[in-house]
Amino acid sequence: MIIIYGNAELWESFPPEETEKAIAAQDAFNRKYAETGELLGAYGTADAAEAKVVRVREGVPVVTDGPYLEAKEYLASWYLIDVPSEQRALEIAAEIPFAAQNAVEVWPVPHEAPGNKL
């Protein structure tokens, strides 16, 4: 799994013409790796202000606005890839256009839950 972090300040720092170019580059990246079969899915998340936190206390779910992170950045999008090696995952991650503005993380996913549809 490849994770991109971001925040409103970062996204708002792009001039409109740069945003269009960045999105086009990201779309090209997605098409390239979808065609090779290595990209299983690419997902952008809503702004952190739209997230909710669910905690269960004494059997009762409590939902609050969230997340309340101690960081400036939040999970902005993630990719699920299927590659034969860590090295290949790192090569693909290095091609993500937004990696030039911000670091991306590569996390192994050693197993999946029963019932996944991918």
PDB file of N, CA and C in Angstrom:
ATOM      1  N   MET A   1       0.855  -1.161   0.000  1.00  0.00           N
ATOM      2  CA  MET A   1       0.000   0.000   0.000  1.00  0.00           C
ATOM      3  C   MET A   1       0.905   1.228   0.000  1.00  0.00           C
ATOM      4  N   ILE A   2       0.560   2.180  -0.833  1.00  0.00           N
ATOM      5  CA  ILE A   2       1.311   3.438  -0.905  1.00  0.00           C
ATOM      6  C   ILE A   2       0.401   4.534  -0.371  1.00  0.00           C
ATOM      7  N   ILE A   3       0.907   5.309   0.553  1.00  0.00           N
ATOM      8  CA  ILE A   3       0.108   6.334   1.221  1.00  0.00           C
ATOM      9  C   ILE A   3       0.679   7.717   0.929  1.00  0.00           C
ATOM     10  N   ILE A   4      -0.210   8.646   0.594  1.00  0.00           N
ATOM     11  CA  ILE A   4       0.170  10.047   0.430  1.00  0.00           C
ATOM     12  C   ILE A   4      -0.481  10.829   1.564  1.00  0.00           C
ATOM     13  N   TYR A   5       0.308  11.644   2.240  1.00  0.00           N
ATOM     14  CA  TYR A   5      -0.218  12.520   3.278  1.00  0.00           C
ATOM     15  C   TYR A   5      -0.282  13.942   2.736  1.00  0.00           C
ATOM     16  N   GLY A   6      -1.147  14.734   3.288  1.00  0.00           N
ATOM     17  CA  GLY A   6      -1.254  16.115   2.866  1.00  0.00           C
ATOM     18  C   GLY A   6      -2.030  16.915   3.882  1.00  0.00           C
ATOM     19  N   ASN A   7      -2.299  18.147   3.546  1.00  0.00           N
ATOM     20  CA  ASN A   7      -3.135  19.002   4.384  1.00  0.00           C
ATOM     21  C   ASN A   7      -3.656  20.135   3.517  1.00  0.00           C
ATOM     22  N   ALA A   8      -4.648  20.840   4.018  1.00  0.00           N
ATOM     23  CA  ALA A   8      -5.261  21.917   3.239  1.00  0.00           C
ATOM     24  C   ALA A   8      -4.237  22.956   2.822  1.00  0.00           C
ATOM     25  N   GLU A   9      -3.302  23.261   3.698  1.00  0.00           N
ATOM     26  CA  GLU A   9      -2.283  24.265   3.379  1.00  0.00           C
ATOM     27  C   GLU A   9      -1.463  23.844   2.160  1.00  0.00           C
ATOM     28  N   LEU A  10      -1.088  22.583   2.096  1.00  0.00           N
ATOM     29  CA  LEU A  10      -0.325  22.080   0.951  1.00  0.00           C
ATOM     30  C   LEU A  10      -1.151  22.165  -0.322  1.00  0.00           C
ATOM     31  N   TRP A  11      -2.379  21.642  -0.295  1.00  0.00           N
ATOM     32  CA  TRP A  11      -3.202  21.609  -1.508  1.00  0.00           C
ATOM     33  C   TRP A  11      -3.534  23.032  -1.976  1.00  0.00           C
ATOM     34  N   GLU A  12      -3.772  23.935  -1.044  1.00  0.00           N
ATOM     35  CA  GLU A  12      -4.109  25.312  -1.406  1.00  0.00           C
ATOM     36  C   GLU A  12      -2.891  26.105  -1.896  1.00  0.00           C
ATOM     37  N   SER A  13      -1.689  25.581  -1.661  1.00  0.00           N
ATOM     38  CA  SER A  13      -0.485  26.289  -2.096  1.00  0.00           C
ATOM     39  C   SER A  13      -0.242  26.157  -3.598  1.00  0.00           C
ATOM     40  N   PHE A  14      -0.922  25.218  -4.247  1.00  0.00           N
ATOM     41  CA  PHE A  14      -0.759  25.040  -5.688  1.00  0.00           C
ATOM     42  C   PHE A  14      -1.588  26.078  -6.437  1.00  0.00           C
ATOM     43  N   PRO A  15      -0.987  26.820  -7.361  1.00  0.00           N
ATOM     44  CA  PRO A  15      -1.788  27.693  -8.223  1.00  0.00           C
ATOM     45  C   PRO A  15      -2.725  26.820  -9.072  1.00  0.00           C
ATOM     46  N   PRO A  16      -3.867  27.352  -9.514  1.00  0.00           N
ATOM     47  CA  PRO A  16      -4.828  26.544 -10.277  1.00  0.00           C
ATOM     48  C   PRO A  16      -4.218  25.807 -11.472  1.00  0.00           C
ATOM     49  N   GLU A  17      -3.341  26.464 -12.222  1.00  0.00           N
ATOM     50  CA  GLU A  17      -2.748  25.792 -13.383  1.00  0.00           C
ATOM     51  C   GLU A  17      -1.835  24.642 -12.960  1.00  0.00           C
ATOM     52  N   GLU A  18      -1.162  24.783 -11.820  1.00  0.00           N
ATOM     53  CA  GLU A  18      -0.317  23.700 -11.312  1.00  0.00           C
ATOM     54  C   GLU A  18      -1.179  22.544 -10.804  1.00  0.00           C
ATOM     55  N   THR A  19      -2.312  22.862 -10.202  1.00  0.00           N
ATOM     56  CA  THR A  19      -3.225  21.824  -9.731  1.00  0.00           C
ATOM     57  C   THR A  19      -3.710  20.984 -10.900  1.00  0.00           C
ATOM     58  N   GLU A  20      -4.105  21.633 -11.998  1.00  0.00           N
ATOM     59  CA  GLU A  20      -4.558  20.903 -13.182  1.00  0.00           C
ATOM     60  C   GLU A  20      -3.460  20.005 -13.732  1.00  0.00           C
ATOM     61  N   LYS A  21      -2.231  20.515 -13.797  1.00  0.00           N
ATOM     62  CA  LYS A  21      -1.105  19.713 -14.283  1.00  0.00           C
ATOM     63  C   LYS A  21      -0.838  18.526 -13.355  1.00  0.00           C
ATOM     64  N   ALA A  22      -0.894  18.783 -12.054  1.00  0.00           N
ATOM     65  CA  ALA A  22      -0.627  17.716 -11.080  1.00  0.00           C
ATOM     66  C   ALA A  22      -1.685  16.616 -11.170  1.00  0.00           C
ATOM     67  N   ILE A  23      -2.930  17.006 -11.322  1.00  0.00           N
ATOM     68  CA  ILE A  23      -3.999  16.008 -11.438  1.00  0.00           C
ATOM     69  C   ILE A  23      -3.843  15.217 -12.735  1.00  0.00           C
ATOM     70  N   ALA A  24      -3.501  15.885 -13.828  1.00  0.00           N
ATOM     71  CA  ALA A  24      -3.277  15.187 -15.097  1.00  0.00           C
ATOM     72  C   ALA A  24      -2.119  14.199 -14.972  1.00  0.00           C
ATOM     73  N   ALA A  25      -1.041  14.605 -14.304  1.00  0.00           N
ATOM     74  CA  ALA A  25       0.102  13.704 -14.101  1.00  0.00           C
ATOM     75  C   ALA A  25      -0.297  12.514 -13.242  1.00  0.00           C
ATOM     76  N   GLN A  26      -1.100  12.770 -12.217  1.00  0.00           N
ATOM     77  CA  GLN A  26      -1.552  11.687 -11.348  1.00  0.00           C
ATOM     78  C   GLN A  26      -2.457  10.726 -12.119  1.00  0.00           C
ATOM     79  N   ASP A  27      -3.338  11.258 -12.957  1.00  0.00           N
ATOM     80  CA  ASP A  27      -4.205  10.409 -13.782  1.00  0.00           C
ATOM     81  C   ASP A  27      -3.378   9.541 -14.727  1.00  0.00           C
ATOM     82  N   ALA A  28      -2.331  10.116 -15.313  1.00  0.00           N
ATOM     83  CA  ALA A  28      -1.454   9.355 -16.211  1.00  0.00           C
ATOM     84  C   ALA A  28      -0.752   8.237 -15.446  1.00  0.00           C
ATOM     85  N   PHE A  29      -0.283   8.549 -14.237  1.00  0.00           N
ATOM     86  CA  PHE A  29       0.338   7.534 -13.382  1.00  0.00           C
ATOM     87  C   PHE A  29      -0.649   6.403 -13.127  1.00  0.00           C
ATOM     88  N   ASN A  30      -1.889   6.747 -12.759  1.00  0.00           N
ATOM     89  CA  ASN A  30      -2.906   5.730 -12.467  1.00  0.00           C
ATOM     90  C   ASN A  30      -3.182   4.854 -13.687  1.00  0.00           C
ATOM     91  N   ARG A  31      -3.322   5.462 -14.861  1.00  0.00           N
ATOM     92  CA  ARG A  31      -3.572   4.685 -16.084  1.00  0.00           C
ATOM     93  C   ARG A  31      -2.401   3.743 -16.380  1.00  0.00           C
ATOM     94  N   LYS A  32      -1.183   4.260 -16.257  1.00  0.00           N
ATOM     95  CA  LYS A  32       0.013   3.464 -16.557  1.00  0.00           C
ATOM     96  C   LYS A  32       0.032   2.184 -15.728  1.00  0.00           C
ATOM     97  N   TYR A  33      -0.184   2.311 -14.420  1.00  0.00           N
ATOM     98  CA  TYR A  33      -0.066   1.134 -13.567  1.00  0.00           C
ATOM     99  C   TYR A  33      -1.340   0.297 -13.522  1.00  0.00           C
ATOM    100  N   ALA A  34      -2.466   0.868 -13.901  1.00  0.00           N
ATOM    101  CA  ALA A  34      -3.677   0.050 -14.078  1.00  0.00           C
ATOM    102  C   ALA A  34      -3.477  -0.862 -15.288  1.00  0.00           C
ATOM    103  N   GLU A  35      -2.863  -0.314 -16.352  1.00  0.00           N
ATOM    104  CA  GLU A  35      -2.615  -1.103 -17.564  1.00  0.00           C
ATOM    105  C   GLU A  35      -1.623  -2.240 -17.333  1.00  0.00           C
ATOM    106  N   THR A  36      -0.641  -2.042 -16.433  1.00  0.00           N
ATOM    107  CA  THR A  36       0.312  -3.133 -16.162  1.00  0.00           C
ATOM    108  C   THR A  36      -0.293  -4.182 -15.237  1.00  0.00           C
ATOM    109  N   GLY A  37      -1.423  -3.830 -14.604  1.00  0.00           N
ATOM    110  CA  GLY A  37      -2.054  -4.740 -13.648  1.00  0.00           C
ATOM    111  C   GLY A  37      -1.492  -4.607 -12.244  1.00  0.00           C
ATOM    112  N   GLU A  38      -0.528  -3.717 -12.057  1.00  0.00           N
ATOM    113  CA  GLU A  38       0.074  -3.565 -10.734  1.00  0.00           C
ATOM    114  C   GLU A  38      -0.769  -2.687  -9.807  1.00  0.00           C
ATOM    115  N   LEU A  39      -1.555  -1.782 -10.368  1.00  0.00           N
ATOM    116  CA  LEU A  39      -2.407  -0.913  -9.559  1.00  0.00           C
ATOM    117  C   LEU A  39      -3.765  -1.580  -9.395  1.00  0.00           C
ATOM    118  N   LEU A  40      -4.092  -1.958  -8.161  1.00  0.00           N
ATOM    119  CA  LEU A  40      -5.384  -2.565  -7.880  1.00  0.00           C
ATOM    120  C   LEU A  40      -6.444  -1.520  -7.588  1.00  0.00           C
ATOM    121  N   GLY A  41      -6.025  -0.387  -7.040  1.00  0.00           N
ATOM    122  CA  GLY A  41      -6.976   0.672  -6.742  1.00  0.00           C
ATOM    123  C   GLY A  41      -6.245   1.905  -6.247  1.00  0.00           C
ATOM    124  N   ALA A  42      -6.835   3.073  -6.514  1.00  0.00           N
ATOM    125  CA  ALA A  42      -6.293   4.348  -6.038  1.00  0.00           C
ATOM    126  C   ALA A  42      -7.459   5.119  -5.441  1.00  0.00           C
ATOM    127  N   TYR A  43      -7.289   5.599  -4.225  1.00  0.00           N
ATOM    128  CA  TYR A  43      -8.399   6.201  -3.501  1.00  0.00           C
ATOM    129  C   TYR A  43      -7.969   7.495  -2.839  1.00  0.00           C
ATOM    130  N   GLY A  44      -8.696   8.558  -3.115  1.00  0.00           N
ATOM    131  CA  GLY A  44      -8.471   9.823  -2.424  1.00  0.00           C
ATOM    132  C   GLY A  44      -9.456   9.918  -1.276  1.00  0.00           C
ATOM    133  N   THR A  45      -9.043  10.520  -0.198  1.00  0.00           N
ATOM    134  CA  THR A  45      -9.939  10.681   0.939  1.00  0.00           C
ATOM    135  C   THR A  45     -10.468  12.106   1.001  1.00  0.00           C
ATOM    136  N   ALA A  46     -11.578  12.276   1.704  1.00  0.00           N
ATOM    137  CA  ALA A  46     -12.141  13.606   1.912  1.00  0.00           C
ATOM    138  C   ALA A  46     -11.233  14.387   2.850  1.00  0.00           C
ATOM    139  N   ASP A  47     -11.481  15.668   2.960  1.00  0.00           N
ATOM    140  CA  ASP A  47     -10.736  16.506   3.887  1.00  0.00           C
ATOM    141  C   ASP A  47     -10.886  15.956   5.302  1.00  0.00           C
ATOM    142  N   ALA A  48      -9.865  16.119   6.114  1.00  0.00           N
ATOM    143  CA  ALA A  48      -9.887  15.603   7.484  1.00  0.00           C
ATOM    144  C   ALA A  48     -11.059  16.153   8.290  1.00  0.00           C
ATOM    145  N   ALA A  49     -11.542  17.331   7.945  1.00  0.00           N
ATOM    146  CA  ALA A  49     -12.678  17.922   8.663  1.00  0.00           C
ATOM    147  C   ALA A  49     -13.952  17.097   8.499  1.00  0.00           C
ATOM    148  N   GLU A  50     -13.993  16.235   7.483  1.00  0.00           N
ATOM    149  CA  GLU A  50     -15.171  15.410   7.250  1.00  0.00           C
ATOM    150  C   GLU A  50     -15.078  14.040   7.916  1.00  0.00           C
ATOM    151  N   ALA A  51     -13.938  13.714   8.501  1.00  0.00           N
ATOM    152  CA  ALA A  51     -13.747  12.412   9.127  1.00  0.00           C
ATOM    153  C   ALA A  51     -14.496  12.326  10.450  1.00  0.00           C
ATOM    154  N   LYS A  52     -14.825  11.127  10.843  1.00  0.00           N
ATOM    155  CA  LYS A  52     -15.468  10.859  12.125  1.00  0.00           C
ATOM    156  C   LYS A  52     -14.627   9.828  12.871  1.00  0.00           C
ATOM    157  N   VAL A  53     -14.685   9.888  14.186  1.00  0.00           N
ATOM    158  CA  VAL A  53     -14.009   8.920  15.035  1.00  0.00           C
ATOM    159  C   VAL A  53     -15.086   8.118  15.758  1.00  0.00           C
ATOM    160  N   VAL A  54     -14.983   6.796  15.723  1.00  0.00           N
ATOM    161  CA  VAL A  54     -15.932   5.932  16.411  1.00  0.00           C
ATOM    162  C   VAL A  54     -15.197   5.230  17.538  1.00  0.00           C
ATOM    163  N   ARG A  55     -15.709   5.373  18.723  1.00  0.00           N
ATOM    164  CA  ARG A  55     -15.178   4.670  19.897  1.00  0.00           C
ATOM    165  C   ARG A  55     -16.341   3.933  20.552  1.00  0.00           C
ATOM    166  N   VAL A  56     -16.092   2.745  21.018  1.00  0.00           N
ATOM    167  CA  VAL A  56     -17.126   1.992  21.716  1.00  0.00           C
ATOM    168  C   VAL A  56     -16.786   2.013  23.196  1.00  0.00           C
ATOM    169  N   ARG A  57     -17.711   2.523  23.983  1.00  0.00           N
ATOM    170  CA  ARG A  57     -17.531   2.624  25.438  1.00  0.00           C
ATOM    171  C   ARG A  57     -18.692   1.903  26.113  1.00  0.00           C
ATOM    172  N   GLU A  58     -18.332   0.886  26.856  1.00  0.00           N
ATOM    173  CA  GLU A  58     -19.335   0.074  27.557  1.00  0.00           C
ATOM    174  C   GLU A  58     -20.398  -0.434  26.592  1.00  0.00           C
ATOM    175  N   GLY A  59     -19.944  -0.868  25.408  1.00  0.00           N
ATOM    176  CA  GLY A  59     -20.838  -1.442  24.418  1.00  0.00           C
ATOM    177  C   GLY A  59     -21.614  -0.441  23.588  1.00  0.00           C
ATOM    178  N   VAL A  60     -21.424   0.847  23.827  1.00  0.00           N
ATOM    179  CA  VAL A  60     -22.173   1.873  23.109  1.00  0.00           C
ATOM    180  C   VAL A  60     -21.222   2.644  22.188  1.00  0.00           C
ATOM    181  N   PRO A  61     -21.540   2.686  20.883  1.00  0.00           N
ATOM    182  CA  PRO A  61     -20.685   3.467  19.996  1.00  0.00           C
ATOM    183  C   PRO A  61     -20.895   4.961  20.207  1.00  0.00           C
ATOM    184  N   VAL A  62     -19.776   5.679  20.268  1.00  0.00           N
ATOM    185  CA  VAL A  62     -19.800   7.125  20.397  1.00  0.00           C
ATOM    186  C   VAL A  62     -19.079   7.683  19.176  1.00  0.00           C
ATOM    187  N   VAL A  63     -19.763   8.532  18.419  1.00  0.00           N
ATOM    188  CA  VAL A  63     -19.208   9.098  17.195  1.00  0.00           C
ATOM    189  C   VAL A  63     -18.950  10.579  17.421  1.00  0.00           C
ATOM    190  N   THR A  64     -17.730  10.998  17.112  1.00  0.00           N
ATOM    191  CA  THR A  64     -17.370  12.410  17.240  1.00  0.00           C
ATOM    192  C   THR A  64     -16.713  12.872  15.951  1.00  0.00           C
ATOM    193  N   ASP A  65     -16.668  14.185  15.769  1.00  0.00           N
ATOM    194  CA  ASP A  65     -15.917  14.724  14.649  1.00  0.00           C
ATOM    195  C   ASP A  65     -14.451  14.392  14.864  1.00  0.00           C
ATOM    196  N   GLY A  66     -13.738  14.267  13.807  1.00  0.00           N
ATOM    197  CA  GLY A  66     -12.329  13.921  13.944  1.00  0.00           C
ATOM    198  C   GLY A  66     -11.666  14.008  12.596  1.00  0.00           C
ATOM    199  N   PRO A  67     -10.501  13.512  12.423  1.00  0.00           N
ATOM    200  CA  PRO A  67      -9.692  12.974  13.506  1.00  0.00           C
ATOM    201  C   PRO A  67      -9.016  14.086  14.292  1.00  0.00           C
ATOM    202  N   TYR A  68      -8.648  13.777  15.490  1.00  0.00           N
ATOM    203  CA  TYR A  68      -7.891  14.734  16.300  1.00  0.00           C
ATOM    204  C   TYR A  68      -6.460  14.250  16.360  1.00  0.00           C
ATOM    205  N   LEU A  69      -5.757  14.546  15.320  1.00  0.00           N
ATOM    206  CA  LEU A  69      -4.372  14.110  15.194  1.00  0.00           C
ATOM    207  C   LEU A  69      -3.442  15.166  15.749  1.00  0.00           C
ATOM    208  N   GLU A  70      -2.318  14.731  16.207  1.00  0.00           N
ATOM    209  CA  GLU A  70      -1.285  15.654  16.676  1.00  0.00           C
ATOM    210  C   GLU A  70      -0.298  15.908  15.544  1.00  0.00           C
ATOM    211  N   ALA A  71      -0.823  16.048  14.354  1.00  0.00           N
ATOM    212  CA  ALA A  71       0.031  16.285  13.195  1.00  0.00           C
ATOM    213  C   ALA A  71      -0.657  17.260  12.264  1.00  0.00           C
ATOM    214  N   LYS A  72       0.138  17.915  11.446  1.00  0.00           N
ATOM    215  CA  LYS A  72      -0.410  18.854  10.472  1.00  0.00           C
ATOM    216  C   LYS A  72      -0.989  18.131   9.272  1.00  0.00           C
ATOM    217  N   GLU A  73      -0.508  16.940   8.995  1.00  0.00           N
ATOM    218  CA  GLU A  73      -0.906  16.229   7.800  1.00  0.00           C
ATOM    219  C   GLU A  73      -1.873  15.096   8.124  1.00  0.00           C
ATOM    220  N   TYR A  74      -2.639  14.705   7.115  1.00  0.00           N
ATOM    221  CA  TYR A  74      -3.580  13.610   7.268  1.00  0.00           C
ATOM    222  C   TYR A  74      -3.486  12.710   6.037  1.00  0.00           C
ATOM    223  N   LEU A  75      -4.059  11.528   6.139  1.00  0.00           N
ATOM    224  CA  LEU A  75      -4.089  10.598   5.026  1.00  0.00           C
ATOM    225  C   LEU A  75      -4.889  11.224   3.895  1.00  0.00           C
ATOM    226  N   ALA A  76      -4.244  11.510   2.780  1.00  0.00           N
ATOM    227  CA  ALA A  76      -4.904  12.180   1.663  1.00  0.00           C
ATOM    228  C   ALA A  76      -5.363  11.191   0.595  1.00  0.00           C
ATOM    229  N   SER A  77      -4.570  10.188   0.323  1.00  0.00           N
ATOM    230  CA  SER A  77      -4.957   9.153  -0.627  1.00  0.00           C
ATOM    231  C   SER A  77      -4.060   7.936  -0.446  1.00  0.00           C
ATOM    232  N   TRP A  78      -4.521   6.841  -0.992  1.00  0.00           N
ATOM    233  CA  TRP A  78      -3.731   5.620  -0.891  1.00  0.00           C
ATOM    234  C   TRP A  78      -3.950   4.753  -2.119  1.00  0.00           C
ATOM    235  N   TYR A  79      -2.945   3.949  -2.406  1.00  0.00           N
ATOM    236  CA  TYR A  79      -2.942   3.054  -3.554  1.00  0.00           C
ATOM    237  C   TYR A  79      -2.749   1.637  -3.055  1.00  0.00           C
ATOM    238  N   LEU A  80      -3.456   0.731  -3.654  1.00  0.00           N
ATOM    239  CA  LEU A  80      -3.224  -0.675  -3.386  1.00  0.00           C
ATOM    240  C   LEU A  80      -2.604  -1.259  -4.644  1.00  0.00           C
ATOM    241  N   ILE A  81      -1.385  -1.774  -4.493  1.00  0.00           N
ATOM    242  CA  ILE A  81      -0.669  -2.324  -5.641  1.00  0.00           C
ATOM    243  C   ILE A  81      -0.349  -3.792  -5.372  1.00  0.00           C
ATOM    244  N   ASP A  82      -0.115  -4.531  -6.429  1.00  0.00           N
ATOM    245  CA  ASP A  82       0.249  -5.938  -6.333  1.00  0.00           C
ATOM    246  C   ASP A  82       1.526  -6.125  -7.133  1.00  0.00           C
ATOM    247  N   VAL A  83       2.642  -6.243  -6.425  1.00  0.00           N
ATOM    248  CA  VAL A  83       3.945  -6.338  -7.065  1.00  0.00           C
ATOM    249  C   VAL A  83       4.732  -7.490  -6.443  1.00  0.00           C
ATOM    250  N   PRO A  84       5.726  -7.990  -7.171  1.00  0.00           N
ATOM    251  CA  PRO A  84       6.470  -9.157  -6.678  1.00  0.00           C
ATOM    252  C   PRO A  84       7.501  -8.861  -5.594  1.00  0.00           C
ATOM    253  N   SER A  85       7.831  -7.571  -5.394  1.00  0.00           N
ATOM    254  CA  SER A  85       8.900  -7.283  -4.435  1.00  0.00           C
ATOM    255  C   SER A  85       8.752  -5.887  -3.841  1.00  0.00           C
ATOM    256  N   GLU A  86       9.409  -5.702  -2.713  1.00  0.00           N
ATOM    257  CA  GLU A  86       9.455  -4.376  -2.095  1.00  0.00           C
ATOM    258  C   GLU A  86      10.138  -3.384  -3.025  1.00  0.00           C
ATOM    259  N   GLN A  87      11.184  -3.824  -3.685  1.00  0.00           N
ATOM    260  CA  GLN A  87      11.912  -2.943  -4.601  1.00  0.00           C
ATOM    261  C   GLN A  87      10.984  -2.390  -5.672  1.00  0.00           C
ATOM    262  N   ARG A  88      10.116  -3.239  -6.231  1.00  0.00           N
ATOM    263  CA  ARG A  88       9.191  -2.777  -7.270  1.00  0.00           C
ATOM    264  C   ARG A  88       8.205  -1.769  -6.682  1.00  0.00           C
ATOM    265  N   ALA A  89       7.733  -2.013  -5.474  1.00  0.00           N
ATOM    266  CA  ALA A  89       6.816  -1.063  -4.825  1.00  0.00           C
ATOM    267  C   ALA A  89       7.486   0.292  -4.637  1.00  0.00           C
ATOM    268  N   LEU A  90       8.749   0.288  -4.250  1.00  0.00           N
ATOM    269  CA  LEU A  90       9.480   1.542  -4.059  1.00  0.00           C
ATOM    270  C   LEU A  90       9.696   2.272  -5.384  1.00  0.00           C
ATOM    271  N   GLU A  91       9.950   1.509  -6.449  1.00  0.00           N
ATOM    272  CA  GLU A  91      10.110   2.127  -7.769  1.00  0.00           C
ATOM    273  C   GLU A  91       8.817   2.832  -8.196  1.00  0.00           C
ATOM    274  N   ILE A  92       7.691   2.159  -8.006  1.00  0.00           N
ATOM    275  CA  ILE A  92       6.403   2.748  -8.379  1.00  0.00           C
ATOM    276  C   ILE A  92       6.116   3.963  -7.510  1.00  0.00           C
ATOM    277  N   ALA A  93       6.351   3.859  -6.212  1.00  0.00           N
ATOM    278  CA  ALA A  93       6.102   4.987  -5.302  1.00  0.00           C
ATOM    279  C   ALA A  93       6.911   6.215  -5.708  1.00  0.00           C
ATOM    280  N   ALA A  94       8.117   5.996  -6.181  1.00  0.00           N
ATOM    281  CA  ALA A  94       8.971   7.118  -6.582  1.00  0.00           C
ATOM    282  C   ALA A  94       8.433   7.843  -7.813  1.00  0.00           C
ATOM    283  N   GLU A  95       7.552   7.202  -8.570  1.00  0.00           N
ATOM    284  CA  GLU A  95       6.972   7.821  -9.761  1.00  0.00           C
ATOM    285  C   GLU A  95       5.694   8.600  -9.471  1.00  0.00           C
ATOM    286  N   ILE A  96       5.164   8.519  -8.262  1.00  0.00           N
ATOM    287  CA  ILE A  96       3.935   9.243  -7.946  1.00  0.00           C
ATOM    288  C   ILE A  96       4.212  10.737  -8.059  1.00  0.00           C
ATOM    289  N   PRO A  97       3.471  11.432  -8.909  1.00  0.00           N
ATOM    290  CA  PRO A  97       3.751  12.852  -9.098  1.00  0.00           C
ATOM    291  C   PRO A  97       3.741  13.660  -7.808  1.00  0.00           C
ATOM    292  N   PHE A  98       2.828  13.398  -6.902  1.00  0.00           N
ATOM    293  CA  PHE A  98       2.765  14.169  -5.665  1.00  0.00           C
ATOM    294  C   PHE A  98       3.925  13.854  -4.718  1.00  0.00           C
ATOM    295  N   ALA A  99       4.711  12.819  -5.008  1.00  0.00           N
ATOM    296  CA  ALA A  99       5.878  12.521  -4.174  1.00  0.00           C
ATOM    297  C   ALA A  99       6.902  13.643  -4.250  1.00  0.00           C
ATOM    298  N   ALA A 100       6.865  14.429  -5.323  1.00  0.00           N
ATOM    299  CA  ALA A 100       7.804  15.550  -5.458  1.00  0.00           C
ATOM    300  C   ALA A 100       7.476  16.674  -4.477  1.00  0.00           C
ATOM    301  N   GLN A 101       6.201  16.811  -4.090  1.00  0.00           N
ATOM    302  CA  GLN A 101       5.807  17.853  -3.145  1.00  0.00           C
ATOM    303  C   GLN A 101       5.799  17.352  -1.704  1.00  0.00           C
ATOM    304  N   ASN A 102       5.695  16.057  -1.545  1.00  0.00           N
ATOM    305  CA  ASN A 102       5.521  15.490  -0.219  1.00  0.00           C
ATOM    306  C   ASN A 102       6.021  14.050  -0.261  1.00  0.00           C
ATOM    307  N   ALA A 103       6.449  13.526   0.836  1.00  0.00           N
ATOM    308  CA  ALA A 103       6.878  12.134   0.884  1.00  0.00           C
ATOM    309  C   ALA A 103       5.666  11.213   0.787  1.00  0.00           C
ATOM    310  N   VAL A 104       5.896  10.010   0.311  1.00  0.00           N
ATOM    311  CA  VAL A 104       4.871   8.976   0.340  1.00  0.00           C
ATOM    312  C   VAL A 104       5.422   7.813   1.146  1.00  0.00           C
ATOM    313  N   GLU A 105       4.545   7.028   1.723  1.00  0.00           N
ATOM    314  CA  GLU A 105       4.956   5.857   2.500  1.00  0.00           C
ATOM    315  C   GLU A 105       4.574   4.595   1.754  1.00  0.00           C
ATOM    316  N   VAL A 106       5.390   3.562   1.899  1.00  0.00           N
ATOM    317  CA  VAL A 106       5.099   2.250   1.333  1.00  0.00           C
ATOM    318  C   VAL A 106       4.977   1.279   2.498  1.00  0.00           C
ATOM    319  N   TRP A 107       3.807   0.657   2.597  1.00  0.00           N
ATOM    320  CA  TRP A 107       3.527  -0.291   3.669  1.00  0.00           C
ATOM    321  C   TRP A 107       3.212  -1.657   3.077  1.00  0.00           C
ATOM    322  N   PRO A 108       3.879  -2.715   3.527  1.00  0.00           N
ATOM    323  CA  PRO A 108       3.484  -4.058   3.096  1.00  0.00           C
ATOM    324  C   PRO A 108       2.090  -4.394   3.642  1.00  0.00           C
ATOM    325  N   VAL A 109       1.336  -5.133   2.864  1.00  0.00           N
ATOM    326  CA  VAL A 109       0.048  -5.658   3.311  1.00  0.00           C
ATOM    327  C   VAL A 109       0.196  -7.179   3.237  1.00  0.00           C
ATOM    328  N   PRO A 110       0.540  -7.814   4.362  1.00  0.00           N
ATOM    329  CA  PRO A 110       0.887  -9.237   4.312  1.00  0.00           C
ATOM    330  C   PRO A 110      -0.290 -10.180   4.110  1.00  0.00           C
ATOM    331  N   HIS A 111      -1.503  -9.713   4.351  1.00  0.00           N
ATOM    332  CA  HIS A 111      -2.672 -10.579   4.151  1.00  0.00           C
ATOM    333  C   HIS A 111      -3.908  -9.710   4.006  1.00  0.00           C
ATOM    334  N   GLU A 112      -4.976 -10.317   3.520  1.00  0.00           N
ATOM    335  CA  GLU A 112      -6.227  -9.580   3.404  1.00  0.00           C
ATOM    336  C   GLU A 112      -7.309 -10.342   4.145  1.00  0.00           C
ATOM    337  N   ALA A 113      -8.328  -9.619   4.531  1.00  0.00           N
ATOM    338  CA  ALA A 113      -9.431 -10.216   5.268  1.00  0.00           C
ATOM    339  C   ALA A 113     -10.306 -11.044   4.331  1.00  0.00           C
ATOM    340  N   PRO A 114     -10.895 -12.109   4.859  1.00  0.00           N
ATOM    341  CA  PRO A 114     -11.828 -12.887   4.037  1.00  0.00           C
ATOM    342  C   PRO A 114     -12.976 -11.985   3.576  1.00  0.00           C
ATOM    343  N   GLY A 115     -13.446 -12.204   2.378  1.00  0.00           N
ATOM    344  CA  GLY A 115     -14.575 -11.436   1.869  1.00  0.00           C
ATOM    345  C   GLY A 115     -14.190 -10.222   1.052  1.00  0.00           C
ATOM    346  N   ASN A 116     -12.879  -9.898   0.973  1.00  0.00           N
ATOM    347  CA  ASN A 116     -12.472  -8.781   0.115  1.00  0.00           C
ATOM    348  C   ASN A 116     -12.860  -9.067  -1.313  1.00  0.00           C
ATOM    349  N   LYS A 117     -13.248  -8.035  -2.028  1.00  0.00           N
ATOM    350  CA  LYS A 117     -13.734  -8.213  -3.390  1.00  0.00           C
ATOM    351  C   LYS A 117     -12.684  -7.975  -4.453  1.00  0.00           C
ATOM    352  N   LEU A 118     -11.482  -7.575  -4.052  1.00  0.00           N
ATOM    353  CA  LEU A 118     -10.435  -7.332  -5.066  1.00  0.00           C
ATOM    354  C   LEU A 118      -9.894  -8.634  -5.604  1.00  0.00           C
TER     355      LEU A 118
END
